[in-house]
Amino acid sequence: MNNLLAAVRPLVSDFFPTIIFAVLIAMKVDVRAATGAALVIGIAQVALQRYLKRKVDQLQWASLGLVVVFGTLGLVTNDPRFLMAKPTIIYTAIGAVMLKRGWMLRYLPPIARGRAEPMMVAFGYVWAGLMFATALANLAVAVLAPDKWPAFIAVVPLASKIALFAVQYLTIRVFVRRRVLADMAAGGAQTA
């Protein structure tokens, strides 16, 4: 559980201004107030990191830059869709990184090594596709149905990732189990 929390904490920190913005918009808070809150929180996060003499990671700088640019556009135009579009850029960037062949191989458990590499490579591309699909869906909801965006951003990205993780886990597990049993049967047949 500690490893999961350690992995999730930076993501929550990077997305915190957007999370606050989504919650405020869902609560029907004025667009200018919600956007201003996201801007203040994003700037305060980086200022606090700098004050504590902690390194500000590139993703946090990028997140702040996106909040400032899209937040400012949202304030100037009084249109929350600019800030709602921010996750689209992030999902697109993550999807592009996930296009690197074999990026998932490091997640294979020892028993699966030598047995499931091609499937893991394929699932790496499936994950990239999911990121691109999520980016497009976010943009579509932000532009076409901004009143539905807080519910969308709270449910769809996480639910789709949990579903894909479950499919991948079960697929790899069943495949590796069959290969292990086949290897054991072949070994038993050779000794007989």
N, C-alpha and C. Protein backbone atom coordinates (compact mmCIF):
# COMPACT_ATOMS: atom_id res chain seq x y z
N MET A 1 0.82 -1.20 0.00
CA MET A 1 0.00 0.00 0.00
C MET A 1 0.87 1.26 0.00
N ASN A 2 2.00 1.21 0.73
CA ASN A 2 2.88 2.37 0.76
C ASN A 2 3.45 2.67 -0.61
N ASN A 3 3.78 1.60 -1.40
CA ASN A 3 4.30 1.82 -2.75
C ASN A 3 3.26 2.49 -3.63
N LEU A 4 1.99 2.08 -3.48
CA LEU A 4 0.92 2.69 -4.25
C LEU A 4 0.77 4.16 -3.88
N LEU A 5 0.77 4.45 -2.59
CA LEU A 5 0.66 5.85 -2.15
C LEU A 5 1.84 6.69 -2.63
N ALA A 6 3.04 6.11 -2.60
CA ALA A 6 4.22 6.83 -3.07
C ALA A 6 4.12 7.14 -4.56
N ALA A 7 3.50 6.23 -5.32
CA ALA A 7 3.36 6.45 -6.76
C ALA A 7 2.25 7.44 -7.07
N VAL A 8 1.18 7.44 -6.27
CA VAL A 8 0.01 8.28 -6.54
C VAL A 8 0.21 9.71 -6.05
N ARG A 9 0.95 9.89 -4.98
CA ARG A 9 1.12 11.23 -4.38
C ARG A 9 1.60 12.28 -5.38
N PRO A 10 2.65 12.02 -6.18
CA PRO A 10 3.07 13.06 -7.13
C PRO A 10 2.00 13.37 -8.18
N LEU A 11 1.26 12.36 -8.62
CA LEU A 11 0.21 12.60 -9.60
C LEU A 11 -0.89 13.48 -9.02
N VAL A 12 -1.29 13.18 -7.79
CA VAL A 12 -2.33 14.00 -7.15
C VAL A 12 -1.81 15.43 -6.99
N SER A 13 -0.55 15.55 -6.61
CA SER A 13 0.03 16.89 -6.45
C SER A 13 0.02 17.64 -7.79
N ASP A 14 0.42 16.96 -8.87
CA ASP A 14 0.47 17.61 -10.17
C ASP A 14 -0.92 17.98 -10.67
N PHE A 15 -1.92 17.16 -10.37
CA PHE A 15 -3.28 17.41 -10.83
C PHE A 15 -4.13 18.17 -9.82
N PHE A 16 -3.57 18.52 -8.66
CA PHE A 16 -4.37 19.13 -7.59
C PHE A 16 -5.12 20.39 -8.04
N PRO A 17 -4.46 21.32 -8.76
CA PRO A 17 -5.22 22.50 -9.21
C PRO A 17 -6.41 22.11 -10.10
N THR A 18 -6.22 21.12 -10.97
CA THR A 18 -7.30 20.68 -11.85
C THR A 18 -8.40 19.99 -11.05
N ILE A 19 -8.00 19.22 -10.05
CA ILE A 19 -8.98 18.54 -9.19
C ILE A 19 -9.84 19.57 -8.46
N ILE A 20 -9.20 20.59 -7.90
CA ILE A 20 -9.93 21.65 -7.20
C ILE A 20 -10.87 22.37 -8.16
N PHE A 21 -10.36 22.67 -9.35
CA PHE A 21 -11.18 23.32 -10.37
C PHE A 21 -12.42 22.48 -10.69
N ALA A 22 -12.22 21.17 -10.90
CA ALA A 22 -13.34 20.28 -11.24
C ALA A 22 -14.37 20.24 -10.11
N VAL A 23 -13.88 20.16 -8.87
CA VAL A 23 -14.80 20.11 -7.72
C VAL A 23 -15.59 21.41 -7.63
N LEU A 24 -14.92 22.54 -7.78
CA LEU A 24 -15.62 23.83 -7.69
C LEU A 24 -16.63 24.01 -8.81
N ILE A 25 -16.26 23.59 -10.03
CA ILE A 25 -17.21 23.68 -11.15
C ILE A 25 -18.41 22.77 -10.90
N ALA A 26 -18.15 21.57 -10.36
CA ALA A 26 -19.24 20.64 -10.05
C ALA A 26 -20.17 21.23 -8.98
N MET A 27 -19.61 22.03 -8.09
CA MET A 27 -20.41 22.66 -7.04
C MET A 27 -21.08 23.95 -7.52
N LYS A 28 -20.96 24.21 -8.82
CA LYS A 28 -21.58 25.39 -9.45
C LYS A 28 -21.00 26.71 -8.96
N VAL A 29 -19.72 26.68 -8.58
CA VAL A 29 -19.02 27.90 -8.21
C VAL A 29 -18.75 28.70 -9.49
N ASP A 30 -18.76 30.01 -9.39
CA ASP A 30 -18.49 30.88 -10.53
C ASP A 30 -17.20 30.47 -11.23
N VAL A 31 -17.22 30.49 -12.56
CA VAL A 31 -16.07 30.08 -13.37
C VAL A 31 -14.82 30.87 -13.01
N ARG A 32 -14.97 32.18 -12.82
CA ARG A 32 -13.80 33.00 -12.50
C ARG A 32 -13.21 32.60 -11.15
N ALA A 33 -14.07 32.31 -10.18
CA ALA A 33 -13.59 31.91 -8.85
C ALA A 33 -12.91 30.55 -8.92
N ALA A 34 -13.49 29.60 -9.65
CA ALA A 34 -12.90 28.26 -9.77
C ALA A 34 -11.56 28.33 -10.49
N THR A 35 -11.51 29.11 -11.56
CA THR A 35 -10.26 29.26 -12.31
C THR A 35 -9.21 29.97 -11.47
N GLY A 36 -9.63 31.03 -10.77
CA GLY A 36 -8.70 31.74 -9.89
C GLY A 36 -8.15 30.83 -8.80
N ALA A 37 -9.00 30.00 -8.23
CA ALA A 37 -8.56 29.06 -7.18
C ALA A 37 -7.52 28.09 -7.75
N ALA A 38 -7.77 27.58 -8.96
CA ALA A 38 -6.81 26.66 -9.59
C ALA A 38 -5.47 27.36 -9.83
N LEU A 39 -5.53 28.60 -10.30
CA LEU A 39 -4.30 29.37 -10.53
C LEU A 39 -3.54 29.60 -9.23
N VAL A 40 -4.23 30.04 -8.20
CA VAL A 40 -3.59 30.31 -6.91
C VAL A 40 -2.96 29.04 -6.33
N ILE A 41 -3.69 27.93 -6.40
CA ILE A 41 -3.17 26.67 -5.86
C ILE A 41 -1.95 26.20 -6.65
N GLY A 42 -2.01 26.28 -7.97
CA GLY A 42 -0.86 25.87 -8.79
C GLY A 42 0.38 26.69 -8.49
N ILE A 43 0.22 27.99 -8.39
CA ILE A 43 1.35 28.88 -8.09
C ILE A 43 1.84 28.65 -6.66
N ALA A 44 0.91 28.49 -5.72
CA ALA A 44 1.29 28.25 -4.32
C ALA A 44 2.07 26.94 -4.16
N GLN A 45 1.67 25.91 -4.89
CA GLN A 45 2.40 24.64 -4.81
C GLN A 45 3.86 24.81 -5.19
N VAL A 46 4.10 25.46 -6.31
CA VAL A 46 5.47 25.65 -6.78
C VAL A 46 6.22 26.59 -5.84
N ALA A 47 5.58 27.65 -5.38
CA ALA A 47 6.22 28.58 -4.45
C ALA A 47 6.61 27.87 -3.16
N LEU A 48 5.73 27.01 -2.64
CA LEU A 48 6.04 26.26 -1.42
C LEU A 48 7.22 25.32 -1.63
N GLN A 49 7.24 24.64 -2.76
CA GLN A 49 8.37 23.74 -3.07
C GLN A 49 9.68 24.53 -3.12
N ARG A 50 9.63 25.67 -3.76
CA ARG A 50 10.84 26.51 -3.86
C ARG A 50 11.24 27.04 -2.48
N TYR A 51 10.27 27.47 -1.68
CA TYR A 51 10.55 27.98 -0.34
C TYR A 51 11.19 26.89 0.53
N LEU A 52 10.71 25.67 0.40
CA LEU A 52 11.26 24.54 1.18
C LEU A 52 12.54 23.99 0.56
N LYS A 53 12.99 24.63 -0.51
CA LYS A 53 14.20 24.24 -1.23
C LYS A 53 14.13 22.80 -1.75
N ARG A 54 12.92 22.42 -2.14
CA ARG A 54 12.71 21.11 -2.76
C ARG A 54 12.71 21.28 -4.27
N LYS A 55 13.13 20.22 -4.94
CA LYS A 55 13.15 20.24 -6.40
C LYS A 55 11.71 20.26 -6.92
N VAL A 56 11.47 21.13 -7.90
CA VAL A 56 10.17 21.17 -8.58
C VAL A 56 10.34 20.35 -9.85
N ASP A 57 9.62 19.20 -9.90
CA ASP A 57 9.75 18.30 -11.04
C ASP A 57 9.22 18.93 -12.31
N GLN A 58 9.70 18.42 -13.45
CA GLN A 58 9.30 18.97 -14.74
C GLN A 58 7.79 18.88 -14.95
N LEU A 59 7.18 17.76 -14.53
CA LEU A 59 5.74 17.62 -14.71
C LEU A 59 4.99 18.68 -13.92
N GLN A 60 5.50 19.03 -12.73
CA GLN A 60 4.83 20.06 -11.94
C GLN A 60 4.99 21.43 -12.60
N TRP A 61 6.18 21.70 -13.15
CA TRP A 61 6.36 22.96 -13.89
C TRP A 61 5.42 23.00 -15.09
N ALA A 62 5.35 21.87 -15.81
CA ALA A 62 4.47 21.81 -16.98
C ALA A 62 3.01 21.99 -16.57
N SER A 63 2.63 21.35 -15.46
CA SER A 63 1.27 21.47 -14.97
C SER A 63 0.97 22.93 -14.60
N LEU A 64 1.90 23.58 -13.92
CA LEU A 64 1.72 24.99 -13.56
C LEU A 64 1.60 25.85 -14.82
N GLY A 65 2.47 25.59 -15.78
CA GLY A 65 2.40 26.35 -17.03
C GLY A 65 1.06 26.20 -17.72
N LEU A 66 0.54 24.97 -17.76
CA LEU A 66 -0.76 24.73 -18.37
C LEU A 66 -1.88 25.41 -17.59
N VAL A 67 -1.79 25.36 -16.26
CA VAL A 67 -2.81 26.02 -15.43
C VAL A 67 -2.77 27.53 -15.67
N VAL A 68 -1.58 28.09 -15.72
CA VAL A 68 -1.47 29.55 -15.92
C VAL A 68 -1.99 29.94 -17.30
N VAL A 69 -1.55 29.22 -18.34
CA VAL A 69 -1.97 29.58 -19.71
C VAL A 69 -3.47 29.37 -19.88
N PHE A 70 -3.94 28.15 -19.55
CA PHE A 70 -5.36 27.86 -19.77
C PHE A 70 -6.24 28.59 -18.75
N GLY A 71 -5.73 28.76 -17.54
CA GLY A 71 -6.48 29.51 -16.54
C GLY A 71 -6.65 30.96 -16.93
N THR A 72 -5.57 31.55 -17.43
CA THR A 72 -5.64 32.94 -17.88
C THR A 72 -6.61 33.09 -19.06
N LEU A 73 -6.52 32.14 -20.01
CA LEU A 73 -7.47 32.17 -21.13
C LEU A 73 -8.90 32.04 -20.62
N GLY A 74 -9.09 31.15 -19.63
CA GLY A 74 -10.42 30.97 -19.05
C GLY A 74 -10.93 32.23 -18.37
N LEU A 75 -10.03 32.93 -17.66
CA LEU A 75 -10.43 34.17 -16.98
C LEU A 75 -10.73 35.28 -17.99
N VAL A 76 -9.88 35.41 -19.00
CA VAL A 76 -10.06 36.47 -19.99
C VAL A 76 -11.35 36.26 -20.78
N THR A 77 -11.62 35.03 -21.13
CA THR A 77 -12.80 34.74 -21.96
C THR A 77 -14.03 34.36 -21.13
N ASN A 78 -13.84 34.18 -19.82
CA ASN A 78 -14.91 33.71 -18.94
C ASN A 78 -15.45 32.35 -19.42
N ASP A 79 -14.54 31.50 -19.90
CA ASP A 79 -14.91 30.19 -20.45
C ASP A 79 -14.07 29.11 -19.76
N PRO A 80 -14.71 28.26 -18.95
CA PRO A 80 -13.97 27.24 -18.21
C PRO A 80 -13.39 26.14 -19.09
N ARG A 81 -13.80 26.06 -20.34
CA ARG A 81 -13.36 24.97 -21.19
C ARG A 81 -11.86 24.98 -21.44
N PHE A 82 -11.23 26.14 -21.32
CA PHE A 82 -9.78 26.18 -21.51
C PHE A 82 -9.08 25.34 -20.44
N LEU A 83 -9.48 25.52 -19.19
CA LEU A 83 -8.87 24.75 -18.11
C LEU A 83 -9.32 23.29 -18.17
N MET A 84 -10.53 23.06 -18.65
CA MET A 84 -11.02 21.69 -18.80
C MET A 84 -10.22 20.92 -19.86
N ALA A 85 -9.63 21.63 -20.79
CA ALA A 85 -8.86 20.99 -21.86
C ALA A 85 -7.46 20.57 -21.39
N LYS A 86 -7.01 21.07 -20.25
CA LYS A 86 -5.66 20.77 -19.77
C LYS A 86 -5.38 19.27 -19.69
N PRO A 87 -6.27 18.43 -19.15
CA PRO A 87 -5.96 16.99 -19.12
C PRO A 87 -5.75 16.38 -20.50
N THR A 88 -6.35 16.96 -21.54
CA THR A 88 -6.15 16.46 -22.89
C THR A 88 -4.68 16.51 -23.27
N ILE A 89 -4.04 17.61 -22.96
CA ILE A 89 -2.61 17.76 -23.28
C ILE A 89 -1.79 16.75 -22.49
N ILE A 90 -2.12 16.58 -21.22
CA ILE A 90 -1.37 15.65 -20.38
C ILE A 90 -1.55 14.22 -20.86
N TYR A 91 -2.79 13.82 -21.14
CA TYR A 91 -3.02 12.45 -21.64
C TYR A 91 -2.34 12.22 -22.98
N THR A 92 -2.33 13.22 -23.84
CA THR A 92 -1.65 13.09 -25.14
C THR A 92 -0.15 12.90 -24.94
N ALA A 93 0.44 13.68 -24.05
CA ALA A 93 1.89 13.55 -23.78
C ALA A 93 2.21 12.18 -23.20
N ILE A 94 1.40 11.72 -22.25
CA ILE A 94 1.64 10.40 -21.65
C ILE A 94 1.48 9.32 -22.71
N GLY A 95 0.45 9.43 -23.56
CA GLY A 95 0.25 8.46 -24.63
C GLY A 95 1.45 8.42 -25.57
N ALA A 96 2.00 9.58 -25.89
CA ALA A 96 3.17 9.62 -26.77
C ALA A 96 4.36 8.91 -26.14
N VAL A 97 4.56 9.10 -24.84
CA VAL A 97 5.66 8.42 -24.15
C VAL A 97 5.42 6.91 -24.15
N MET A 98 4.16 6.51 -24.01
CA MET A 98 3.83 5.08 -23.97
C MET A 98 3.98 4.39 -25.33
N LEU A 99 4.21 5.14 -26.38
CA LEU A 99 4.44 4.53 -27.69
C LEU A 99 5.83 3.90 -27.80
N LYS A 100 6.66 4.12 -26.80
CA LYS A 100 8.00 3.52 -26.81
C LYS A 100 7.86 2.00 -26.66
N ARG A 101 8.37 1.28 -27.61
CA ARG A 101 8.27 -0.18 -27.62
C ARG A 101 8.90 -0.77 -26.36
N GLY A 102 8.12 -1.63 -25.69
CA GLY A 102 8.63 -2.39 -24.55
C GLY A 102 8.64 -1.67 -23.22
N TRP A 103 8.01 -0.53 -23.12
CA TRP A 103 8.06 0.22 -21.87
C TRP A 103 7.44 -0.54 -20.70
N MET A 104 6.54 -1.48 -20.98
CA MET A 104 5.87 -2.22 -19.90
C MET A 104 6.65 -3.44 -19.43
N LEU A 105 7.70 -3.80 -20.13
CA LEU A 105 8.42 -5.04 -19.78
C LEU A 105 8.95 -5.05 -18.36
N ARG A 106 9.27 -3.91 -17.82
CA ARG A 106 9.81 -3.86 -16.46
C ARG A 106 8.77 -4.26 -15.41
N TYR A 107 7.49 -4.29 -15.81
CA TYR A 107 6.44 -4.65 -14.87
C TYR A 107 6.16 -6.15 -14.86
N LEU A 108 6.83 -6.91 -15.71
CA LEU A 108 6.61 -8.36 -15.73
C LEU A 108 7.20 -9.00 -14.47
N PRO A 109 6.43 -9.86 -13.80
CA PRO A 109 6.99 -10.59 -12.66
C PRO A 109 7.96 -11.65 -13.18
N PRO A 110 8.87 -12.12 -12.35
CA PRO A 110 9.87 -13.09 -12.81
C PRO A 110 9.29 -14.32 -13.51
N ILE A 111 8.19 -14.85 -13.02
CA ILE A 111 7.62 -16.06 -13.62
C ILE A 111 7.13 -15.82 -15.06
N ALA A 112 6.81 -14.58 -15.38
CA ALA A 112 6.30 -14.26 -16.72
C ALA A 112 7.40 -13.93 -17.71
N ARG A 113 8.60 -13.68 -17.22
CA ARG A 113 9.71 -13.33 -18.12
C ARG A 113 10.05 -14.53 -18.99
N GLY A 114 10.24 -14.25 -20.26
CA GLY A 114 10.51 -15.32 -21.21
C GLY A 114 9.24 -15.96 -21.74
N ARG A 115 8.11 -15.53 -21.24
CA ARG A 115 6.85 -16.12 -21.66
C ARG A 115 5.86 -15.09 -22.20
N ALA A 116 5.86 -13.89 -21.65
CA ALA A 116 4.79 -12.93 -21.98
C ALA A 116 5.29 -11.61 -22.57
N GLU A 117 6.54 -11.54 -22.97
CA GLU A 117 7.06 -10.27 -23.48
C GLU A 117 6.27 -9.71 -24.67
N PRO A 118 5.96 -10.54 -25.69
CA PRO A 118 5.19 -9.96 -26.81
C PRO A 118 3.82 -9.41 -26.39
N MET A 119 3.17 -10.08 -25.44
CA MET A 119 1.88 -9.58 -24.97
C MET A 119 2.04 -8.26 -24.23
N MET A 120 3.09 -8.15 -23.44
CA MET A 120 3.30 -6.90 -22.69
C MET A 120 3.63 -5.75 -23.63
N VAL A 121 4.39 -6.03 -24.69
CA VAL A 121 4.66 -4.99 -25.68
C VAL A 121 3.35 -4.53 -26.31
N ALA A 122 2.49 -5.49 -26.67
CA ALA A 122 1.20 -5.16 -27.27
C ALA A 122 0.34 -4.34 -26.29
N PHE A 123 0.33 -4.76 -25.02
CA PHE A 123 -0.44 -4.00 -24.04
C PHE A 123 0.12 -2.59 -23.84
N GLY A 124 1.41 -2.40 -24.03
CA GLY A 124 1.98 -1.05 -23.96
C GLY A 124 1.34 -0.14 -24.99
N TYR A 125 1.12 -0.67 -26.20
CA TYR A 125 0.46 0.11 -27.25
C TYR A 125 -1.03 0.31 -26.94
N VAL A 126 -1.65 -0.70 -26.33
CA VAL A 126 -3.06 -0.55 -25.93
C VAL A 126 -3.19 0.57 -24.91
N TRP A 127 -2.25 0.63 -23.95
CA TRP A 127 -2.28 1.71 -22.96
C TRP A 127 -2.11 3.08 -23.63
N ALA A 128 -1.20 3.15 -24.60
CA ALA A 128 -1.02 4.42 -25.32
C ALA A 128 -2.33 4.80 -26.02
N GLY A 129 -2.97 3.82 -26.64
CA GLY A 129 -4.26 4.08 -27.30
C GLY A 129 -5.31 4.58 -26.32
N LEU A 130 -5.33 3.97 -25.12
CA LEU A 130 -6.29 4.42 -24.10
C LEU A 130 -6.02 5.86 -23.71
N MET A 131 -4.76 6.24 -23.59
CA MET A 131 -4.43 7.63 -23.24
C MET A 131 -4.89 8.59 -24.33
N PHE A 132 -4.67 8.22 -25.59
CA PHE A 132 -5.11 9.08 -26.69
C PHE A 132 -6.64 9.16 -26.74
N ALA A 133 -7.31 8.03 -26.52
CA ALA A 133 -8.77 8.02 -26.51
C ALA A 133 -9.31 8.88 -25.36
N THR A 134 -8.67 8.78 -24.18
CA THR A 134 -9.09 9.59 -23.04
C THR A 134 -8.87 11.08 -23.33
N ALA A 135 -7.76 11.40 -23.99
CA ALA A 135 -7.49 12.80 -24.36
C ALA A 135 -8.58 13.33 -25.29
N LEU A 136 -8.94 12.55 -26.30
CA LEU A 136 -9.98 12.98 -27.23
C LEU A 136 -11.34 13.10 -26.54
N ALA A 137 -11.65 12.11 -25.70
CA ALA A 137 -12.93 12.14 -24.98
C ALA A 137 -13.00 13.36 -24.06
N ASN A 138 -11.88 13.65 -23.36
CA ASN A 138 -11.86 14.82 -22.48
C ASN A 138 -12.10 16.10 -23.27
N LEU A 139 -11.43 16.22 -24.40
CA LEU A 139 -11.59 17.42 -25.22
C LEU A 139 -13.04 17.54 -25.72
N ALA A 140 -13.60 16.42 -26.16
CA ALA A 140 -14.97 16.44 -26.66
C ALA A 140 -15.95 16.85 -25.56
N VAL A 141 -15.79 16.29 -24.37
CA VAL A 141 -16.70 16.63 -23.27
C VAL A 141 -16.49 18.09 -22.85
N ALA A 142 -15.23 18.53 -22.79
CA ALA A 142 -14.95 19.91 -22.38
C ALA A 142 -15.56 20.92 -23.36
N VAL A 143 -15.52 20.60 -24.65
CA VAL A 143 -16.02 21.53 -25.65
C VAL A 143 -17.53 21.41 -25.85
N LEU A 144 -18.03 20.17 -25.91
CA LEU A 144 -19.43 19.95 -26.28
C LEU A 144 -20.39 19.89 -25.09
N ALA A 145 -19.88 19.45 -23.94
CA ALA A 145 -20.76 19.30 -22.77
C ALA A 145 -20.01 19.70 -21.49
N PRO A 146 -19.59 20.97 -21.40
CA PRO A 146 -18.79 21.37 -20.24
C PRO A 146 -19.49 21.18 -18.89
N ASP A 147 -20.82 21.19 -18.90
CA ASP A 147 -21.54 20.96 -17.64
C ASP A 147 -21.39 19.52 -17.16
N LYS A 148 -21.07 18.60 -18.07
CA LYS A 148 -20.88 17.18 -17.71
C LYS A 148 -19.41 16.85 -17.41
N TRP A 149 -18.50 17.80 -17.66
CA TRP A 149 -17.08 17.54 -17.52
C TRP A 149 -16.66 17.12 -16.11
N PRO A 150 -17.12 17.77 -15.04
CA PRO A 150 -16.68 17.32 -13.71
C PRO A 150 -17.01 15.85 -13.44
N ALA A 151 -18.19 15.40 -13.84
CA ALA A 151 -18.54 13.99 -13.66
C ALA A 151 -17.66 13.11 -14.55
N PHE A 152 -17.45 13.54 -15.78
CA PHE A 152 -16.59 12.78 -16.70
C PHE A 152 -15.19 12.61 -16.12
N ILE A 153 -14.57 13.71 -15.73
CA ILE A 153 -13.18 13.66 -15.27
C ILE A 153 -13.05 12.89 -13.96
N ALA A 154 -14.11 12.85 -13.17
CA ALA A 154 -14.08 12.12 -11.91
C ALA A 154 -14.25 10.62 -12.10
N VAL A 155 -14.88 10.20 -13.20
CA VAL A 155 -15.21 8.78 -13.35
C VAL A 155 -14.47 8.11 -14.51
N VAL A 156 -14.60 8.64 -15.71
CA VAL A 156 -14.17 7.93 -16.91
C VAL A 156 -12.67 7.62 -16.96
N PRO A 157 -11.78 8.59 -16.75
CA PRO A 157 -10.35 8.25 -16.85
C PRO A 157 -9.93 7.15 -15.87
N LEU A 158 -10.35 7.25 -14.62
CA LEU A 158 -9.96 6.24 -13.64
C LEU A 158 -10.62 4.90 -13.93
N ALA A 159 -11.90 4.90 -14.23
CA ALA A 159 -12.61 3.65 -14.50
C ALA A 159 -12.03 2.93 -15.72
N SER A 160 -11.69 3.67 -16.77
CA SER A 160 -11.13 3.04 -17.96
C SER A 160 -9.76 2.43 -17.67
N LYS A 161 -8.97 3.08 -16.84
CA LYS A 161 -7.65 2.55 -16.51
C LYS A 161 -7.76 1.32 -15.60
N ILE A 162 -8.69 1.34 -14.67
CA ILE A 162 -8.90 0.16 -13.82
C ILE A 162 -9.38 -1.01 -14.67
N ALA A 163 -10.29 -0.76 -15.61
CA ALA A 163 -10.80 -1.83 -16.47
C ALA A 163 -9.68 -2.41 -17.33
N LEU A 164 -8.86 -1.55 -17.94
CA LEU A 164 -7.76 -2.05 -18.77
C LEU A 164 -6.75 -2.81 -17.92
N PHE A 165 -6.45 -2.31 -16.74
CA PHE A 165 -5.52 -3.01 -15.85
C PHE A 165 -6.05 -4.41 -15.54
N ALA A 166 -7.34 -4.52 -15.24
CA ALA A 166 -7.93 -5.82 -14.91
C ALA A 166 -7.84 -6.76 -16.11
N VAL A 167 -8.18 -6.26 -17.30
CA VAL A 167 -8.10 -7.10 -18.51
C VAL A 167 -6.67 -7.55 -18.75
N GLN A 168 -5.74 -6.62 -18.65
CA GLN A 168 -4.33 -6.96 -18.87
C GLN A 168 -3.85 -7.98 -17.84
N TYR A 169 -4.13 -7.74 -16.58
CA TYR A 169 -3.67 -8.63 -15.52
C TYR A 169 -4.21 -10.04 -15.74
N LEU A 170 -5.51 -10.15 -15.98
CA LEU A 170 -6.11 -11.48 -16.17
C LEU A 170 -5.59 -12.15 -17.43
N THR A 171 -5.45 -11.41 -18.51
CA THR A 171 -4.94 -11.98 -19.76
C THR A 171 -3.53 -12.52 -19.59
N ILE A 172 -2.66 -11.71 -19.02
CA ILE A 172 -1.26 -12.14 -18.82
C ILE A 172 -1.21 -13.31 -17.85
N ARG A 173 -1.99 -13.24 -16.80
CA ARG A 173 -1.99 -14.32 -15.79
C ARG A 173 -2.43 -15.65 -16.40
N VAL A 174 -3.52 -15.65 -17.15
CA VAL A 174 -4.01 -16.88 -17.78
C VAL A 174 -3.00 -17.40 -18.79
N PHE A 175 -2.47 -16.52 -19.61
CA PHE A 175 -1.50 -16.92 -20.62
C PHE A 175 -0.25 -17.53 -19.99
N VAL A 176 0.30 -16.86 -18.99
CA VAL A 176 1.53 -17.36 -18.34
C VAL A 176 1.24 -18.68 -17.62
N ARG A 177 0.10 -18.78 -16.99
CA ARG A 177 -0.25 -20.03 -16.30
C ARG A 177 -0.29 -21.19 -17.29
N ARG A 178 -0.91 -20.97 -18.44
CA ARG A 178 -0.96 -22.02 -19.47
C ARG A 178 0.44 -22.38 -19.95
N ARG A 179 1.28 -21.38 -20.13
CA ARG A 179 2.65 -21.65 -20.60
C ARG A 179 3.44 -22.42 -19.55
N VAL A 180 3.27 -22.06 -18.28
CA VAL A 180 3.97 -22.77 -17.20
C VAL A 180 3.51 -24.22 -17.15
N LEU A 181 2.20 -24.45 -17.22
CA LEU A 181 1.67 -25.82 -17.21
C LEU A 181 2.15 -26.60 -18.43
N ALA A 182 2.19 -25.96 -19.59
CA ALA A 182 2.69 -26.63 -20.80
C ALA A 182 4.16 -26.97 -20.66
N ASP A 183 4.95 -26.05 -20.09
CA ASP A 183 6.38 -26.31 -19.87
C ASP A 183 6.57 -27.47 -18.90
N MET A 184 5.74 -27.52 -17.87
CA MET A 184 5.83 -28.63 -16.88
C MET A 184 5.45 -29.95 -17.53
N ALA A 185 4.40 -29.94 -18.36
CA ALA A 185 3.98 -31.17 -19.05
C ALA A 185 5.05 -31.63 -20.03
N ALA A 186 5.65 -30.70 -20.74
CA ALA A 186 6.71 -31.05 -21.68
C ALA A 186 7.92 -31.60 -20.94
N GLY A 187 8.23 -31.03 -19.79
CA GLY A 187 9.36 -31.54 -18.98
C GLY A 187 9.07 -32.92 -18.44
N GLY A 188 7.83 -33.19 -18.02
CA GLY A 188 7.43 -34.51 -17.53
C GLY A 188 7.45 -35.55 -18.63
N ALA A 189 7.08 -35.15 -19.85
CA ALA A 189 7.06 -36.07 -20.98
C ALA A 189 8.47 -36.46 -21.37
N GLN A 190 9.42 -35.56 -21.21
CA GLN A 190 10.81 -35.84 -21.59
C GLN A 190 11.45 -36.80 -20.61
N THR A 191 11.08 -36.75 -19.33
CA THR A 191 11.69 -37.63 -18.32
C THR A 191 11.09 -39.03 -18.39
N ALA A 192 9.90 -39.19 -19.00
CA ALA A 192 9.26 -40.51 -19.06
C ALA A 192 9.78 -41.37 -20.14
